[in-house]
Amino acid sequence: MSFRSSTSSFRRSLVLGAALGALFAFAVDRAPWPSTAYFGGPRLAEKHERIEALLRKGTVPVMTVGASYLDQGFDARHFTELTGVTACNMAVAGTDNYQQALYVRHVLVPLYAPELIFWSVGGDGVRGHTAINQQYLDSEAMRRALWPAGHLLVDLEHRLPHAKKRRLIDWFVERDTGRDPDTVDEYGLTVTSTDQRPARGPKARGRRMDYESEVTEDEARVVFEDTLRYCKEQGVRVVMVRPPYLAGTYGRDSLYVEKALTGQYAPYYEWWNETLARYDVPVLNVRYCEISENPRMFFDSKHLNSLGAVPMAEILADYYRTGEIPERWRGILSRAEIEAALGTYDAALLPTLEVERPVRVTDLLGAELEGLGLASVRARVVIEEAGDYGIALSERKARAKGSYFVRIGEGRYHIWELPATQGRAARRTVSTPTAFRLEPGEYVVELHARKTPIPDERFAVVRFE
């Protein structure tokens, strides 16, 4: 009798313990405690909490993926209000396109089945160099995700109490708003504590790392392509997005403009354009758009704030409704970006030059450069004989040195540095150091001031011997 009573009590204890354990696990799963250590960092863990809360209310057909440009630059709540289709911002600051590709391929698509992904293109390559990116790659979630059907394991494990555990100091840090003031809203937007980066603000959290022993750029590109292929097979539409930069980024003396126009990014641009075209992925390049002209919309020169995230959501909502991309916003380097740096012109108004015959610069189409002088001149030239051609300037008096973008026809621009005149020379003629190989036909000749105005002297297209 005593034995049966003990056995019955033991069984009741087991049942009660199991019930309490299940109740505890359910409470932890529903608690707003992100699985920080499991995902490798707080931001990605918080994003999973947000999307799963949205999924408990219905489907989430639209997601954004990328780094900080979209993380704090896309208001998914506003997109949802505009379109009636729920969106979640799953972009995470500090990640590169390689990490994102692995996560899209092995977690986001198989687990959450989006219909459309707006994906932010990174810098000059697929690989990045921040400590947090490597932390995400080395996380337990990523290791599990790469197993067969690993997304199911991730879906299970990140809900368990052990995935949400913290050291005591970690609990303190997460609740010390002075240590990490950024917050993530209900739809995944990271909202910074201030609208603009302080002039003497803290250094970026991510530090540079040596990746010599890690995945190479070529290997990362293979993974990225595999993810695009997988998305296409699964019927998931992908749109590559280039979020806005502040207009000041397009100053002619900026390093970004120099690299973009002179072809230093060309191998990267070519690879992106060819790869995305192969998988029918359109490029929505709004790096320069109406938002760029409003400094209040930016946290810093290359990142939107929560104010700028609203019109960015409107741009993506408009694309979602129409499926159309204006011509000026297409391609990895858009026409809008080039025009932001060099200005616009009407080809029908361009004067026509004769080879070897100089004209005054003021007789050509120009524009004021901050009231100081000519910023740009453009003209047409008819080439009747194939050969190497360039531009020559003939000056009547000594001038300070100048720096210009120059081009004849299509292709990349070249930088033409004019040295300062030495001594008291009455006149000098200076030609572009780079020859442009031209076949018979009509071409547009361009000369754009970078730092000093174009001198009002004699200008000619000349043939090099």
Protein backbone atom coordinates (compact mmCIF):
# COMPACT_ATOMS: atom_id res chain seq x y z
CA MET A 1 0.00 0.00 0.00
CA SER A 2 2.82 2.31 0.93
CA PHE A 3 4.71 1.32 -2.23
CA ARG A 4 1.74 2.11 -4.51
CA SER A 5 1.22 5.40 -2.75
CA SER A 6 4.86 6.38 -3.28
CA THR A 7 4.70 5.38 -6.94
CA SER A 8 1.52 7.40 -7.45
CA SER A 9 3.10 10.44 -5.78
CA PHE A 10 6.19 10.06 -7.96
CA ARG A 11 4.05 9.94 -11.10
CA ARG A 12 2.12 13.00 -10.03
CA SER A 13 5.40 14.79 -9.43
CA LEU A 14 6.64 13.81 -12.88
CA VAL A 15 3.45 15.03 -14.52
CA LEU A 16 3.53 18.25 -12.52
CA GLY A 17 7.21 18.76 -13.29
CA ALA A 18 6.63 18.16 -17.01
CA ALA A 19 3.67 20.54 -17.00
CA LEU A 20 5.67 23.22 -15.22
CA GLY A 21 8.58 22.66 -17.60
CA ALA A 22 6.31 22.98 -20.61
CA LEU A 23 4.70 26.08 -19.12
CA PHE A 24 8.12 27.57 -18.46
CA ALA A 25 9.31 26.79 -22.00
CA PHE A 26 6.13 28.33 -23.44
CA ALA A 27 6.57 31.42 -21.29
CA VAL A 28 10.21 31.78 -22.38
CA ASP A 29 9.23 31.31 -26.02
CA ARG A 30 6.65 34.09 -25.74
CA ALA A 31 8.85 36.35 -23.62
CA PRO A 32 10.54 39.28 -25.40
CA TRP A 33 13.99 37.85 -24.74
CA PRO A 34 15.96 37.46 -27.95
CA SER A 35 18.26 34.46 -28.30
CA THR A 36 21.31 36.68 -28.52
CA ALA A 37 24.08 34.12 -28.05
CA TYR A 38 22.37 31.56 -30.28
CA PHE A 39 22.13 33.95 -33.25
CA GLY A 40 25.53 35.51 -32.65
CA GLY A 41 24.37 39.02 -31.80
CA PRO A 42 21.47 41.03 -30.39
CA ARG A 43 20.23 42.64 -33.59
CA LEU A 44 19.62 39.43 -35.56
CA ALA A 45 18.07 37.80 -32.50
CA GLU A 46 15.71 40.77 -32.07
CA LYS A 47 14.70 40.64 -35.72
CA HIS A 48 13.61 37.01 -35.29
CA GLU A 49 11.44 37.99 -32.34
CA ARG A 50 9.77 40.68 -34.47
CA ILE A 51 9.05 38.52 -37.50
CA GLU A 52 7.68 35.67 -35.42
CA ALA A 53 5.37 38.06 -33.58
CA LEU A 54 4.10 39.26 -36.97
CA LEU A 55 3.69 35.68 -38.20
CA ARG A 56 1.46 34.89 -35.25
CA LYS A 57 -0.94 37.47 -36.73
CA GLY A 58 -0.69 36.31 -40.35
CA THR A 59 1.73 35.95 -43.26
CA VAL A 60 4.74 38.20 -43.94
CA PRO A 61 5.10 38.22 -47.74
CA VAL A 62 7.74 40.97 -47.95
CA MET A 63 11.14 41.17 -46.24
CA THR A 64 14.21 43.33 -46.51
CA VAL A 65 17.69 41.88 -46.21
CA GLY A 66 20.95 43.78 -46.06
CA ALA A 67 23.20 45.74 -43.76
CA SER A 68 22.75 49.05 -41.92
CA TYR A 69 21.62 50.94 -45.06
CA LEU A 70 18.25 49.16 -44.85
CA ASP A 71 18.37 48.14 -41.19
CA GLN A 72 17.72 51.74 -40.15
CA GLY A 73 16.56 52.96 -43.57
CA PHE A 74 13.31 51.10 -44.32
CA ASP A 75 10.10 51.62 -42.36
CA ALA A 76 8.30 48.31 -42.85
CA ARG A 77 5.33 49.52 -40.81
CA HIS A 78 4.75 52.37 -43.27
CA PHE A 79 5.17 49.99 -46.23
CA THR A 80 2.54 47.72 -44.67
CA GLU A 81 0.14 50.65 -44.23
CA LEU A 82 0.63 51.76 -47.83
CA THR A 83 0.29 48.38 -49.51
CA GLY A 84 -1.85 46.37 -47.10
CA VAL A 85 0.84 43.67 -47.32
CA THR A 86 2.82 42.91 -44.17
CA ALA A 87 6.56 43.54 -44.42
CA CYS A 88 9.35 42.95 -41.94
CA ASN A 89 12.77 44.61 -41.92
CA MET A 90 15.25 41.74 -41.50
CA ALA A 91 18.34 43.73 -42.49
CA VAL A 92 21.10 43.65 -39.86
CA ALA A 93 23.85 46.24 -39.44
CA GLY A 94 27.38 44.94 -39.90
CA THR A 95 26.53 41.95 -42.08
CA ASP A 96 27.88 41.38 -45.59
CA ASN A 97 26.22 39.89 -48.66
CA TYR A 98 27.91 36.54 -48.02
CA GLN A 99 26.41 36.16 -44.53
CA GLN A 100 23.06 37.40 -45.82
CA ALA A 101 23.11 34.89 -48.69
CA LEU A 102 23.68 31.99 -46.31
CA TYR A 103 20.90 33.19 -44.06
CA VAL A 104 18.43 33.76 -46.88
CA ARG A 105 19.19 30.35 -48.38
CA HIS A 106 19.17 28.29 -45.20
CA VAL A 107 16.82 30.12 -42.81
CA LEU A 108 14.67 32.98 -44.08
CA VAL A 109 13.24 31.40 -47.25
CA PRO A 110 12.73 27.82 -46.04
CA LEU A 111 11.43 28.95 -42.64
CA TYR A 112 9.33 32.04 -43.42
CA ALA A 113 8.53 31.61 -47.17
CA PRO A 114 8.50 35.27 -48.29
CA GLU A 115 7.15 36.21 -51.70
CA LEU A 116 9.50 39.17 -52.23
CA ILE A 117 12.88 40.15 -50.78
CA PHE A 118 14.30 43.65 -51.10
CA TRP A 119 18.02 43.03 -50.73
CA SER A 120 20.55 45.80 -50.20
CA VAL A 121 23.73 45.53 -52.27
CA GLY A 122 26.90 46.10 -50.25
CA GLY A 123 30.12 47.96 -50.96
CA ASP A 124 32.77 46.94 -53.47
CA GLY A 125 32.46 43.20 -52.86
CA VAL A 126 30.35 40.41 -51.39
CA ARG A 127 32.58 39.99 -48.34
CA GLY A 128 32.73 42.43 -45.44
CA HIS A 129 35.17 43.06 -42.64
CA THR A 130 33.40 43.62 -39.33
CA ALA A 131 33.71 41.61 -36.14
CA ILE A 132 29.93 41.31 -35.74
CA ASN A 133 29.61 39.80 -39.22
CA GLN A 134 32.07 37.04 -38.31
CA GLN A 135 30.23 36.60 -35.02
CA TYR A 136 27.01 35.92 -36.91
CA LEU A 137 28.79 33.50 -39.23
CA ASP A 138 30.28 31.60 -36.29
CA SER A 139 27.00 31.44 -34.38
CA GLU A 140 25.27 28.26 -33.29
CA ALA A 141 22.27 29.21 -35.44
CA MET A 142 24.39 29.38 -38.59
CA ARG A 143 26.12 26.09 -37.86
CA ARG A 144 22.76 24.39 -37.39
CA ALA A 145 21.25 26.08 -40.44
CA LEU A 146 23.86 24.53 -42.74
CA TRP A 147 22.79 21.00 -41.78
CA PRO A 148 20.19 19.21 -43.93
CA ALA A 149 16.79 20.67 -42.98
CA GLY A 150 18.73 22.85 -40.58
CA HIS A 151 16.10 25.59 -40.62
CA LEU A 152 13.75 23.29 -38.69
CA LEU A 153 16.40 22.77 -36.04
CA VAL A 154 16.99 26.53 -35.82
CA ASP A 155 13.25 27.08 -35.49
CA LEU A 156 13.13 24.64 -32.58
CA GLU A 157 16.36 25.44 -30.77
CA HIS A 158 16.11 29.22 -30.66
CA ARG A 159 12.85 28.92 -28.73
CA LEU A 160 14.32 26.75 -25.97
CA PRO A 161 15.24 28.28 -22.61
CA HIS A 162 18.94 27.49 -22.99
CA ALA A 163 19.09 29.64 -26.15
CA LYS A 164 17.76 32.65 -24.23
CA LYS A 165 20.07 32.35 -21.24
CA ARG A 166 22.45 35.19 -20.34
CA ARG A 167 25.28 35.83 -18.03
CA LEU A 168 24.32 38.29 -15.31
CA ILE A 169 26.43 41.03 -16.93
CA ASP A 170 24.64 40.43 -20.26
CA TRP A 171 21.24 41.01 -18.67
CA PHE A 172 22.55 44.24 -17.21
CA VAL A 173 24.00 45.45 -20.53
CA GLU A 174 20.79 44.71 -22.44
CA ARG A 175 18.82 46.84 -20.03
CA ASP A 176 21.36 49.63 -19.73
CA THR A 177 20.03 51.98 -22.41
CA GLY A 178 23.19 54.05 -22.18
CA ARG A 179 25.20 51.14 -23.56
CA ASP A 180 23.04 50.29 -26.59
CA PRO A 181 20.46 53.04 -27.20
CA ASP A 182 19.16 51.70 -30.53
CA THR A 183 15.80 49.94 -30.50
CA VAL A 184 13.97 47.68 -32.96
CA ASP A 185 10.33 48.46 -33.63
CA GLU A 186 7.49 46.00 -34.16
CA TYR A 187 8.24 45.66 -37.89
CA GLY A 188 12.03 45.32 -37.57
CA LEU A 189 13.19 48.91 -38.16
CA THR A 190 16.23 49.81 -36.07
CA VAL A 191 15.59 53.26 -34.59
CA THR A 192 18.72 55.10 -33.50
CA SER A 193 18.75 57.17 -30.32
CA THR A 194 19.44 60.36 -32.30
CA ASP A 195 18.36 61.41 -35.78
CA GLN A 196 21.91 62.35 -36.77
CA ARG A 197 25.31 61.05 -35.81
CA PRO A 198 26.92 63.42 -33.29
CA ALA A 199 29.85 65.40 -34.67
CA ARG A 200 32.16 63.70 -32.19
CA GLY A 201 30.13 60.56 -31.73
CA PRO A 202 31.42 57.12 -30.77
CA LYS A 203 33.41 55.05 -33.21
CA ALA A 204 31.64 52.32 -35.13
CA ARG A 205 31.18 49.12 -33.12
CA GLY A 206 32.49 46.85 -35.87
CA ARG A 207 36.27 46.58 -36.14
CA ARG A 208 38.30 45.57 -39.14
CA MET A 209 39.41 41.94 -39.24
CA ASP A 210 41.93 39.90 -41.17
CA TYR A 211 40.06 37.44 -43.39
CA GLU A 212 43.03 35.77 -45.02
CA SER A 213 42.04 32.40 -43.58
CA GLU A 214 38.33 32.90 -44.26
CA VAL A 215 36.18 32.49 -47.37
CA THR A 216 37.55 34.35 -50.38
CA GLU A 217 35.63 36.87 -52.45
CA ASP A 218 35.29 34.37 -55.31
CA GLU A 219 33.96 31.67 -52.98
CA ALA A 220 31.54 34.15 -51.45
CA ARG A 221 30.25 35.06 -54.89
CA VAL A 222 29.49 31.40 -55.60
CA VAL A 223 27.40 31.22 -52.43
CA PHE A 224 25.60 34.43 -53.32
CA GLU A 225 24.75 33.12 -56.81
CA ASP A 226 23.55 29.83 -55.34
CA THR A 227 21.14 31.75 -53.14
CA LEU A 228 19.78 33.72 -56.10
CA ARG A 229 19.31 30.45 -57.97
CA TYR A 230 17.54 28.90 -54.98
CA CYS A 231 15.21 31.89 -54.60
CA LYS A 232 14.30 31.70 -58.27
CA GLU A 233 13.57 27.98 -57.99
CA GLN A 234 11.36 28.62 -54.95
CA GLY A 235 9.44 31.38 -56.71
CA VAL A 236 10.78 34.09 -54.39
CA ARG A 237 11.26 37.41 -56.17
CA VAL A 238 14.44 39.28 -55.33
CA VAL A 239 15.00 42.99 -55.98
CA MET A 240 18.42 44.49 -55.34
CA VAL A 241 18.27 47.92 -53.71
CA ARG A 242 20.86 50.70 -53.46
CA PRO A 243 19.57 52.96 -50.64
CA PRO A 244 20.12 56.74 -50.77
CA TYR A 245 23.27 58.67 -49.96
CA LEU A 246 23.25 62.33 -48.95
CA ALA A 247 23.68 64.67 -51.94
CA GLY A 248 27.03 65.91 -50.62
CA THR A 249 28.48 62.46 -51.34
CA TYR A 250 28.29 63.41 -55.03
CA GLY A 251 30.69 66.31 -54.81
CA ARG A 252 33.13 66.07 -57.72
CA ASP A 253 36.11 65.96 -55.40
CA SER A 254 34.67 63.08 -53.32
CA LEU A 255 36.46 59.74 -53.31
CA TYR A 256 33.22 57.87 -54.09
CA VAL A 257 32.60 59.90 -57.25
CA GLU A 258 36.22 59.57 -58.34
CA LYS A 259 36.18 55.78 -58.00
CA ALA A 260 32.75 55.40 -59.61
CA LEU A 261 33.41 57.59 -62.66
CA THR A 262 36.99 56.51 -63.34
CA GLY A 263 36.19 52.81 -63.34
CA GLN A 264 37.83 51.75 -60.08
CA TYR A 265 34.58 49.97 -59.18
CA ALA A 266 34.15 48.66 -62.74
CA PRO A 267 34.99 44.97 -62.09
CA TYR A 268 32.53 44.99 -59.18
CA TYR A 269 29.83 46.78 -61.17
CA GLU A 270 30.25 44.44 -64.13
CA TRP A 271 30.02 41.32 -61.96
CA TRP A 272 26.92 42.58 -60.17
CA ASN A 273 25.14 43.59 -63.37
CA GLU A 274 25.94 40.31 -65.13
CA THR A 275 25.03 38.13 -62.14
CA LEU A 276 21.76 39.87 -61.36
CA ALA A 277 20.72 39.82 -65.01
CA ARG A 278 21.40 36.07 -65.14
CA TYR A 279 18.85 35.45 -62.40
CA ASP A 280 16.33 38.09 -63.53
CA VAL A 281 16.99 40.26 -60.48
CA PRO A 282 16.18 43.94 -61.13
CA VAL A 283 18.25 46.73 -59.53
CA LEU A 284 16.44 49.62 -57.89
CA ASN A 285 19.25 52.14 -57.45
CA VAL A 286 17.97 55.13 -55.49
CA ARG A 287 21.39 56.01 -54.16
CA TYR A 288 20.70 59.47 -55.53
CA CYS A 289 17.03 60.47 -55.43
CA GLU A 290 14.81 63.16 -53.96
CA ILE A 291 15.59 61.97 -50.43
CA SER A 292 19.29 62.73 -51.01
CA GLU A 293 18.61 66.47 -51.00
CA ASN A 294 17.21 66.55 -47.45
CA PRO A 295 19.89 66.32 -44.71
CA ARG A 296 17.19 65.87 -42.06
CA MET A 297 16.53 62.41 -43.50
CA PHE A 298 20.06 61.16 -42.80
CA PHE A 299 21.84 59.80 -39.75
CA ASP A 300 25.12 60.40 -41.56
CA SER A 301 26.13 60.89 -45.19
CA LYS A 302 25.41 57.27 -46.15
CA HIS A 303 22.69 56.14 -43.74
CA LEU A 304 19.07 57.17 -43.49
CA ASN A 305 17.47 57.80 -40.11
CA SER A 306 13.93 56.94 -39.02
CA LEU A 307 12.64 60.05 -40.82
CA GLY A 308 14.29 58.99 -44.09
CA ALA A 309 13.06 55.43 -43.63
CA VAL A 310 9.51 56.65 -44.34
CA PRO A 311 10.04 58.00 -47.90
CA MET A 312 12.26 54.98 -48.56
CA ALA A 313 9.29 52.77 -47.69
CA GLU A 314 7.19 54.83 -50.11
CA ILE A 315 9.67 54.19 -52.94
CA LEU A 316 9.64 50.45 -52.31
CA ALA A 317 5.85 50.44 -51.94
CA ASP A 318 5.53 52.19 -55.30
CA TYR A 319 7.74 49.54 -56.88
CA TYR A 320 5.72 46.80 -55.19
CA ARG A 321 2.50 48.18 -56.68
CA THR A 322 3.80 48.88 -60.20
CA GLY A 323 6.83 46.64 -60.71
CA GLU A 324 8.43 49.51 -62.62
CA ILE A 325 11.85 51.10 -62.15
CA PRO A 326 12.46 54.52 -63.73
CA GLU A 327 15.33 54.52 -66.22
CA ARG A 328 17.36 56.94 -64.09
CA TRP A 329 17.37 54.45 -61.18
CA ARG A 330 18.52 51.34 -63.03
CA GLY A 331 21.88 49.58 -62.75
CA ILE A 332 24.54 49.36 -60.06
CA LEU A 333 25.77 52.80 -61.15
CA SER A 334 22.64 54.74 -62.07
CA ARG A 335 22.17 57.61 -64.46
CA ALA A 336 20.84 59.65 -61.54
CA GLU A 337 24.17 59.21 -59.72
CA ILE A 338 26.19 60.36 -62.72
CA GLU A 339 23.93 63.36 -63.24
CA ALA A 340 24.15 64.25 -59.54
CA ALA A 341 27.91 64.60 -59.94
CA LEU A 342 28.18 66.01 -63.46
CA GLY A 343 24.83 67.64 -64.15
CA THR A 344 22.36 67.13 -66.99
CA TYR A 345 22.38 68.37 -70.57
CA ASP A 346 20.30 68.42 -73.71
CA ALA A 347 22.19 66.63 -76.49
CA ALA A 348 20.30 68.62 -79.11
CA LEU A 349 21.87 71.85 -77.81
CA LEU A 350 25.48 70.74 -77.95
CA PRO A 351 27.72 72.65 -80.40
CA THR A 352 29.80 70.66 -82.89
CA LEU A 353 33.61 70.86 -82.89
CA GLU A 354 36.01 70.31 -85.74
CA VAL A 355 39.12 68.26 -84.99
CA GLU A 356 42.25 70.41 -84.44
CA ARG A 357 40.23 73.63 -84.56
CA PRO A 358 40.23 75.43 -81.17
CA VAL A 359 37.27 77.37 -79.80
CA ARG A 360 36.82 79.47 -76.70
CA VAL A 361 35.48 77.56 -73.73
CA THR A 362 32.68 80.09 -73.28
CA ASP A 363 31.38 79.21 -76.73
CA LEU A 364 30.58 75.72 -75.44
CA LEU A 365 27.72 74.62 -73.20
CA GLY A 366 28.70 75.30 -69.60
CA ALA A 367 27.33 75.80 -66.12
CA GLU A 368 28.30 77.96 -63.18
CA LEU A 369 30.47 76.42 -60.48
CA GLU A 370 29.38 78.15 -57.28
CA GLY A 371 29.54 81.48 -59.07
CA LEU A 372 33.27 81.15 -59.67
CA GLY A 373 33.35 79.98 -63.26
CA LEU A 374 32.59 77.14 -65.62
CA ALA A 375 31.90 73.76 -64.05
CA SER A 376 31.32 71.70 -67.22
CA VAL A 377 31.65 71.95 -70.96
CA ARG A 378 30.24 69.50 -73.46
CA ALA A 379 30.25 69.40 -77.23
CA ARG A 380 29.90 67.00 -80.14
CA VAL A 381 32.73 66.03 -82.41
CA VAL A 382 32.62 64.12 -85.69
CA ILE A 383 35.52 61.72 -86.16
CA GLU A 384 36.20 60.91 -89.80
CA GLU A 385 39.33 58.82 -89.38
CA ALA A 386 40.03 56.16 -86.76
CA GLY A 387 42.80 56.98 -84.33
CA ASP A 388 43.82 58.22 -80.89
CA TYR A 389 42.31 61.52 -79.83
CA GLY A 390 42.43 63.81 -76.83
CA ILE A 391 41.64 67.33 -75.62
CA ALA A 392 44.00 70.30 -75.60
CA LEU A 393 43.73 73.56 -73.65
CA SER A 394 45.72 76.59 -74.75
CA GLU A 395 46.21 79.20 -72.01
CA ARG A 396 47.27 82.81 -72.46
CA LYS A 397 48.56 83.38 -68.94
CA ALA A 398 49.88 81.50 -65.96
CA ARG A 399 47.24 79.74 -63.88
CA ALA A 400 47.08 77.59 -60.81
CA LYS A 401 46.90 73.86 -61.43
CA GLY A 402 43.51 72.29 -62.10
CA SER A 403 41.85 68.87 -61.88
CA TYR A 404 39.15 67.69 -64.29
CA PHE A 405 37.08 64.70 -65.32
CA VAL A 406 37.47 64.17 -69.07
CA ARG A 407 35.87 61.78 -71.54
CA ILE A 408 35.24 61.42 -75.28
CA GLY A 409 32.44 59.02 -76.12
CA GLU A 410 31.31 56.28 -73.74
CA GLY A 411 33.22 54.34 -71.12
CA ARG A 412 34.99 55.52 -68.03
CA TYR A 413 36.12 59.03 -67.27
CA HIS A 414 39.75 59.98 -66.74
CA ILE A 415 41.20 62.50 -64.32
CA TRP A 416 43.22 65.21 -66.01
CA GLU A 417 45.57 67.06 -63.68
CA LEU A 418 46.87 70.34 -65.07
CA PRO A 419 50.15 71.34 -63.43
CA ALA A 420 50.68 74.93 -62.35
CA THR A 421 52.51 77.09 -64.89
CA GLN A 422 56.15 77.59 -63.98
CA GLY A 423 57.84 80.94 -64.47
CA ARG A 424 56.26 83.71 -66.55
CA ALA A 425 55.31 81.81 -69.68
CA ALA A 426 52.98 83.83 -71.93
CA ARG A 427 51.11 80.80 -73.28
CA ARG A 428 51.05 77.07 -72.91
CA THR A 429 49.11 74.25 -74.52
CA VAL A 430 48.30 71.20 -72.40
CA SER A 431 46.83 67.96 -73.72
CA THR A 432 45.15 65.11 -71.91
CA PRO A 433 47.70 62.46 -70.94
CA THR A 434 45.25 59.70 -71.90
CA ALA A 435 44.34 58.96 -75.50
CA PHE A 436 40.82 57.91 -76.46
CA ARG A 437 40.75 55.34 -79.24
CA LEU A 438 37.92 56.39 -81.57
CA GLU A 439 36.41 54.93 -84.72
CA PRO A 440 34.64 57.11 -87.32
CA GLY A 441 31.41 58.52 -85.94
CA GLU A 442 29.92 61.22 -83.70
CA TYR A 443 30.93 61.50 -80.05
CA VAL A 444 30.20 63.69 -77.04
CA VAL A 445 33.23 65.45 -75.58
CA GLU A 446 33.12 66.23 -71.86
CA LEU A 447 35.27 68.26 -69.48
CA HIS A 448 34.16 68.69 -65.85
CA ALA A 449 35.88 70.78 -63.17
CA ARG A 450 36.60 68.99 -59.91
CA LYS A 451 38.02 71.67 -57.63
CA THR A 452 38.78 74.74 -59.76
CA PRO A 453 36.77 76.23 -62.64
CA ILE A 454 37.60 75.44 -66.24
CA PRO A 455 39.78 78.28 -67.64
CA ASP A 456 38.13 80.42 -70.31
CA GLU A 457 40.79 79.67 -72.91
CA ARG A 458 41.12 77.80 -76.18
CA PHE A 459 39.69 74.28 -76.27
CA ALA A 460 40.18 71.69 -79.02
CA VAL A 461 39.85 68.01 -79.82
CA VAL A 462 43.20 66.95 -81.25
CA ARG A 463 44.54 63.80 -82.83
CA PHE A 464 47.58 62.19 -81.25
CA GLU A 465 50.32 61.04 -83.57
